[in-house]
Amino acid sequence: MSQINNNLVLIVGKTSSGKSAALRNLRDPRGVIFMNCESGKELPFNSKFRELVVTDPYQVHSAFEQSEEHENIHTMVIDTLTFLMDMFESTKVLTSPNTMKAWGDYAQFFRKLMQVHVANSTKNVVMLAHTMDVLNEGEGVMETLVKVKGSLMNQGIEAFFCNVIAAKKMQISKLEKYQNKYLNITDEEAALGFKYVFQTKLTKETVNERIRGPLGLWSTNETFIDNDVQLVLDKLQEYYGQEK
């Protein structure tokens, strides 16, 4: 029977919103398995992660299985989930003689990742994903979401996560009313007039995004915080009363 992994977070955002940079403060970097699904693209900082350049989607399943054999591995990172699913489409679906079956395999690949490997993992799990603005024809509004294909699109990737946080580039003036201990504006950021942040809660301007989190995890003042994944993991472990 699958467990619930309370140390699971999805970081979403558009290109150049600071998603990958948010990994920079992960403690004990040699205990991080970094699954690079973007053709080996370099991280924007000097990393000591254990890097796996993913060339076959099923390598991700294997990495989760193998990580359970190593106590010194504490965090699994997928960068990005969007590219991982694109890779499955290009290498498994478009090359298949039976595309109908292959699209079923596409959905099952992701469900097995979440419902078997992630659910049973004893590690922190961080996934990054790109967002797009998509028209919801039924409601006539633009939604910001992680776009995938087939039945997964109808269900929504975000539905598999209790914690969905958006990486954004924000003007300093818009952050002034959200002062909190997790939001630290440097002199350089103040001079530039913007800061890369995480948005943890919905606002009236972002009701069509899919940001979510457990009730009480973040206060209203903590709607915007530093773009720091370690900060989020620490907050989750405090919330659930766990020690790693």
Protein backbone atom coordinates (compact mmCIF):
# COMPACT_ATOMS: atom_id res chain seq x y z
CA MET A 1 0.00 0.00 0.00
CA SER A 2 1.29 3.46 -0.94
CA GLN A 3 2.15 6.00 1.72
CA ILE A 4 1.83 9.79 1.56
CA ASN A 5 5.06 11.70 1.00
CA ASN A 6 4.64 14.93 2.97
CA ASN A 7 8.01 16.20 1.75
CA LEU A 8 6.83 16.71 -1.82
CA VAL A 9 6.68 20.06 -3.61
CA LEU A 10 6.04 21.19 -7.18
CA ILE A 11 7.75 24.43 -8.19
CA VAL A 12 6.09 25.94 -11.26
CA GLY A 13 6.84 29.01 -13.32
CA LYS A 14 7.55 30.43 -16.71
CA THR A 15 10.98 30.38 -18.33
CA SER A 16 13.58 32.45 -16.44
CA SER A 17 11.44 32.80 -13.33
CA GLY A 18 14.11 31.41 -10.99
CA LYS A 19 12.98 27.78 -10.66
CA SER A 20 16.39 26.11 -11.01
CA ALA A 21 18.19 28.86 -9.08
CA ALA A 22 15.89 28.12 -6.14
CA LEU A 23 17.78 24.84 -5.59
CA ARG A 24 21.02 26.64 -4.74
CA ASN A 25 20.71 26.42 -0.93
CA LEU A 26 19.82 22.74 -0.60
CA ARG A 27 21.84 21.44 2.33
CA ASP A 28 24.31 18.59 1.95
CA PRO A 29 24.27 18.80 -1.89
CA ARG A 30 26.03 15.45 -2.29
CA GLY A 31 22.88 13.88 -0.90
CA VAL A 32 20.77 15.33 -3.74
CA ILE A 33 19.97 13.30 -6.86
CA PHE A 34 19.44 15.92 -9.57
CA MET A 35 17.64 14.43 -12.56
CA ASN A 36 18.42 16.72 -15.50
CA CYS A 37 15.73 16.25 -18.15
CA GLU A 38 16.73 19.27 -20.23
CA SER A 39 19.51 17.78 -22.36
CA GLY A 40 22.13 18.37 -19.71
CA LYS A 41 21.50 22.11 -19.42
CA GLU A 42 23.79 23.62 -16.80
CA LEU A 43 22.40 24.87 -13.52
CA PRO A 44 22.73 28.62 -12.92
CA PHE A 45 25.06 28.03 -9.94
CA ASN A 46 28.02 25.83 -9.04
CA SER A 47 26.42 22.58 -7.95
CA LYS A 48 27.76 19.53 -6.13
CA PHE A 49 24.59 17.51 -6.68
CA ARG A 50 24.75 13.94 -7.93
CA GLU A 51 23.55 14.62 -11.45
CA LEU A 52 21.77 12.17 -13.71
CA VAL A 53 21.30 13.38 -17.28
CA VAL A 54 18.04 11.67 -18.23
CA THR A 55 17.93 10.31 -21.78
CA ASP A 56 15.17 7.75 -21.21
CA PRO A 57 12.15 8.63 -19.03
CA TYR A 58 12.23 5.28 -17.23
CA GLN A 59 15.63 6.22 -15.78
CA VAL A 60 13.65 8.40 -13.38
CA HIS A 61 11.69 5.42 -12.07
CA SER A 62 14.95 3.51 -11.59
CA ALA A 63 16.58 6.44 -9.80
CA PHE A 64 13.80 6.49 -7.20
CA GLU A 65 14.10 2.74 -6.65
CA GLN A 66 17.87 2.88 -6.27
CA SER A 67 17.79 5.92 -3.96
CA GLU A 68 16.01 3.87 -1.30
CA GLU A 69 19.13 1.72 -0.98
CA HIS A 70 21.22 4.72 0.08
CA GLU A 71 20.58 6.46 3.41
CA ASN A 72 22.87 9.34 2.48
CA ILE A 73 20.52 10.38 -0.34
CA HIS A 74 17.96 12.79 1.13
CA THR A 75 16.44 14.67 -1.82
CA MET A 76 15.29 13.80 -5.34
CA VAL A 77 14.94 16.63 -7.88
CA ILE A 78 13.34 16.46 -11.34
CA ASP A 79 14.21 19.41 -13.58
CA THR A 80 11.84 19.69 -15.31
CA LEU A 81 8.72 17.54 -15.24
CA THR A 82 7.59 19.32 -18.41
CA PHE A 83 10.66 18.22 -20.36
CA LEU A 84 10.42 14.71 -18.90
CA MET A 85 6.90 14.29 -20.30
CA ASP A 86 7.97 15.84 -23.63
CA MET A 87 10.78 13.28 -23.71
CA PHE A 88 8.31 10.45 -23.19
CA GLU A 89 6.20 11.75 -26.05
CA SER A 90 9.11 12.08 -28.48
CA THR A 91 10.87 8.81 -27.60
CA LYS A 92 7.97 6.50 -26.71
CA VAL A 93 4.76 7.83 -28.30
CA LEU A 94 5.77 9.30 -31.64
CA THR A 95 8.01 6.31 -32.43
CA SER A 96 5.40 3.71 -31.49
CA PRO A 97 3.53 1.67 -34.13
CA ASN A 98 0.49 1.84 -31.83
CA THR A 99 0.11 5.47 -30.78
CA MET A 100 -3.20 4.87 -28.98
CA LYS A 101 -1.52 2.40 -26.63
CA ALA A 102 1.52 4.68 -26.35
CA TRP A 103 -0.61 7.60 -25.15
CA GLY A 104 -2.01 5.29 -22.48
CA ASP A 105 1.57 4.43 -21.50
CA TYR A 106 2.31 8.17 -21.34
CA ALA A 107 -0.36 8.71 -18.68
CA GLN A 108 0.53 5.50 -16.85
CA PHE A 109 4.21 6.47 -16.73
CA PHE A 110 3.37 9.63 -14.81
CA ARG A 111 0.81 7.96 -12.55
CA LYS A 112 3.27 5.23 -11.61
CA LEU A 113 5.92 7.84 -10.90
CA MET A 114 3.59 9.65 -8.49
CA GLN A 115 1.51 6.82 -7.01
CA VAL A 116 4.30 4.27 -6.60
CA HIS A 117 7.77 5.80 -6.64
CA VAL A 118 7.08 9.23 -5.12
CA ALA A 119 4.39 8.05 -2.69
CA ASN A 120 6.69 5.37 -1.28
CA SER A 121 9.86 7.45 -1.30
CA THR A 122 11.49 8.26 2.03
CA LYS A 123 13.25 11.23 0.44
CA ASN A 124 12.36 14.86 -0.08
CA VAL A 125 10.96 15.15 -3.62
CA VAL A 126 11.15 18.42 -5.57
CA MET A 127 9.82 18.72 -9.11
CA LEU A 128 10.14 21.77 -11.32
CA ALA A 129 7.74 22.46 -14.19
CA HIS A 130 7.08 25.13 -16.81
CA THR A 131 3.73 26.91 -16.91
CA MET A 132 1.74 28.29 -19.83
CA ASP A 133 -1.32 30.53 -20.12
CA VAL A 134 -4.13 28.38 -21.52
CA LEU A 135 -7.71 29.39 -22.38
CA ASN A 136 -10.35 27.64 -20.31
CA GLU A 137 -13.07 27.63 -22.94
CA GLY A 138 -15.77 26.53 -20.50
CA GLU A 139 -15.23 29.51 -18.21
CA GLY A 140 -13.82 31.91 -20.78
CA VAL A 141 -10.73 32.74 -18.73
CA MET A 142 -6.99 32.29 -19.14
CA GLU A 143 -5.47 29.83 -16.69
CA THR A 144 -1.79 29.49 -15.80
CA LEU A 145 -0.94 25.81 -15.56
CA VAL A 146 1.50 23.02 -16.36
CA LYS A 147 0.53 21.88 -19.84
CA VAL A 148 0.81 18.20 -20.71
CA LYS A 149 -0.98 15.91 -23.16
CA GLY A 150 -3.92 13.51 -23.18
CA SER A 151 -5.89 12.47 -20.11
CA LEU A 152 -3.30 14.02 -17.79
CA MET A 153 -4.21 17.44 -19.13
CA ASN A 154 -7.86 16.92 -18.18
CA GLN A 155 -6.94 15.82 -14.67
CA GLY A 156 -4.20 18.39 -14.24
CA ILE A 157 -0.63 17.65 -13.17
CA GLU A 158 -1.07 19.90 -10.14
CA ALA A 159 -3.83 17.62 -8.79
CA PHE A 160 -1.14 15.11 -7.78
CA PHE A 161 0.52 17.62 -5.41
CA CYS A 162 -0.55 19.13 -2.08
CA ASN A 163 2.14 21.79 -2.40
CA VAL A 164 2.34 23.85 -5.58
CA ILE A 165 4.47 26.99 -5.38
CA ALA A 166 5.02 29.50 -8.19
CA ALA A 167 8.41 31.01 -9.00
CA LYS A 168 8.10 34.61 -10.14
CA LYS A 169 10.00 37.80 -10.87
CA MET A 170 8.28 40.56 -8.89
CA GLN A 171 8.63 44.31 -8.58
CA ILE A 172 9.85 45.30 -5.13
CA SER A 173 6.97 47.78 -4.76
CA LYS A 174 4.46 44.91 -5.00
CA LEU A 175 6.18 43.03 -2.18
CA GLU A 176 6.14 45.83 0.41
CA LYS A 177 2.90 44.74 2.10
CA TYR A 178 4.10 41.13 2.45
CA GLN A 179 6.89 41.66 4.98
CA ASN A 180 7.82 38.44 6.76
CA LYS A 181 10.88 36.62 8.06
CA TYR A 182 11.10 34.51 4.90
CA LEU A 183 11.22 37.50 2.53
CA ASN A 184 14.59 39.23 2.54
CA ILE A 185 15.23 42.00 0.03
CA THR A 186 18.93 42.67 -0.53
CA ASP A 187 20.44 46.05 -1.36
CA GLU A 188 21.13 44.79 -4.88
CA GLU A 189 17.51 43.71 -5.37
CA ALA A 190 16.27 47.04 -4.02
CA ALA A 191 18.53 48.88 -6.46
CA LEU A 192 17.34 46.74 -9.38
CA GLY A 193 13.71 47.15 -8.38
CA PHE A 194 12.79 43.46 -8.65
CA LYS A 195 13.25 40.17 -6.84
CA TYR A 196 12.87 36.49 -7.73
CA VAL A 197 10.37 35.05 -5.26
CA PHE A 198 8.09 32.12 -4.51
CA GLN A 199 4.35 32.74 -4.34
CA THR A 200 2.84 30.36 -1.78
CA LYS A 201 -0.82 31.44 -1.74
CA LEU A 202 -3.37 32.74 -4.22
CA THR A 203 -4.20 36.45 -4.41
CA LYS A 204 -7.11 38.15 -6.14
CA GLU A 205 -4.81 38.85 -9.10
CA THR A 206 -3.80 35.20 -9.44
CA VAL A 207 -7.04 33.26 -8.85
CA ASN A 208 -6.59 31.44 -12.18
CA GLU A 209 -3.28 29.93 -11.18
CA ARG A 210 -2.97 26.53 -9.49
CA ILE A 211 -0.95 27.47 -6.43
CA ARG A 212 -1.92 25.40 -3.40
CA GLY A 213 -0.71 24.29 0.00
CA PRO A 214 -1.95 22.68 3.24
CA LEU A 215 -4.17 24.91 5.38
CA GLY A 216 -2.11 27.00 7.76
CA LEU A 217 1.25 26.20 6.21
CA TRP A 218 1.73 29.81 5.13
CA SER A 219 0.21 32.97 6.58
CA THR A 220 -1.16 35.75 4.38
CA ASN A 221 1.98 37.79 5.06
CA GLU A 222 3.98 34.83 3.75
CA THR A 223 2.27 34.87 0.34
CA PHE A 224 5.66 35.86 -1.12
CA ILE A 225 8.94 34.45 0.20
CA ASP A 226 12.53 34.05 -0.96
CA ASN A 227 12.90 31.61 -3.88
CA ASP A 228 14.62 29.01 -1.74
CA VAL A 229 13.57 25.34 -1.91
CA GLN A 230 15.38 24.50 1.35
CA LEU A 231 13.24 27.07 3.14
CA VAL A 232 10.11 25.33 1.80
CA LEU A 233 11.31 21.86 2.82
CA ASP A 234 12.15 23.09 6.32
CA LYS A 235 8.69 24.66 6.60
CA LEU A 236 7.01 21.40 5.52
CA GLN A 237 8.96 19.34 8.03
CA GLU A 238 8.06 21.83 10.78
CA TYR A 239 4.38 21.73 9.71
CA TYR A 240 4.18 17.94 9.72
CA GLY A 241 6.34 17.58 12.84
CA GLN A 242 8.98 15.51 11.09
CA GLU A 243 12.72 15.24 11.31
CA LYS A 244 14.95 14.32 8.37
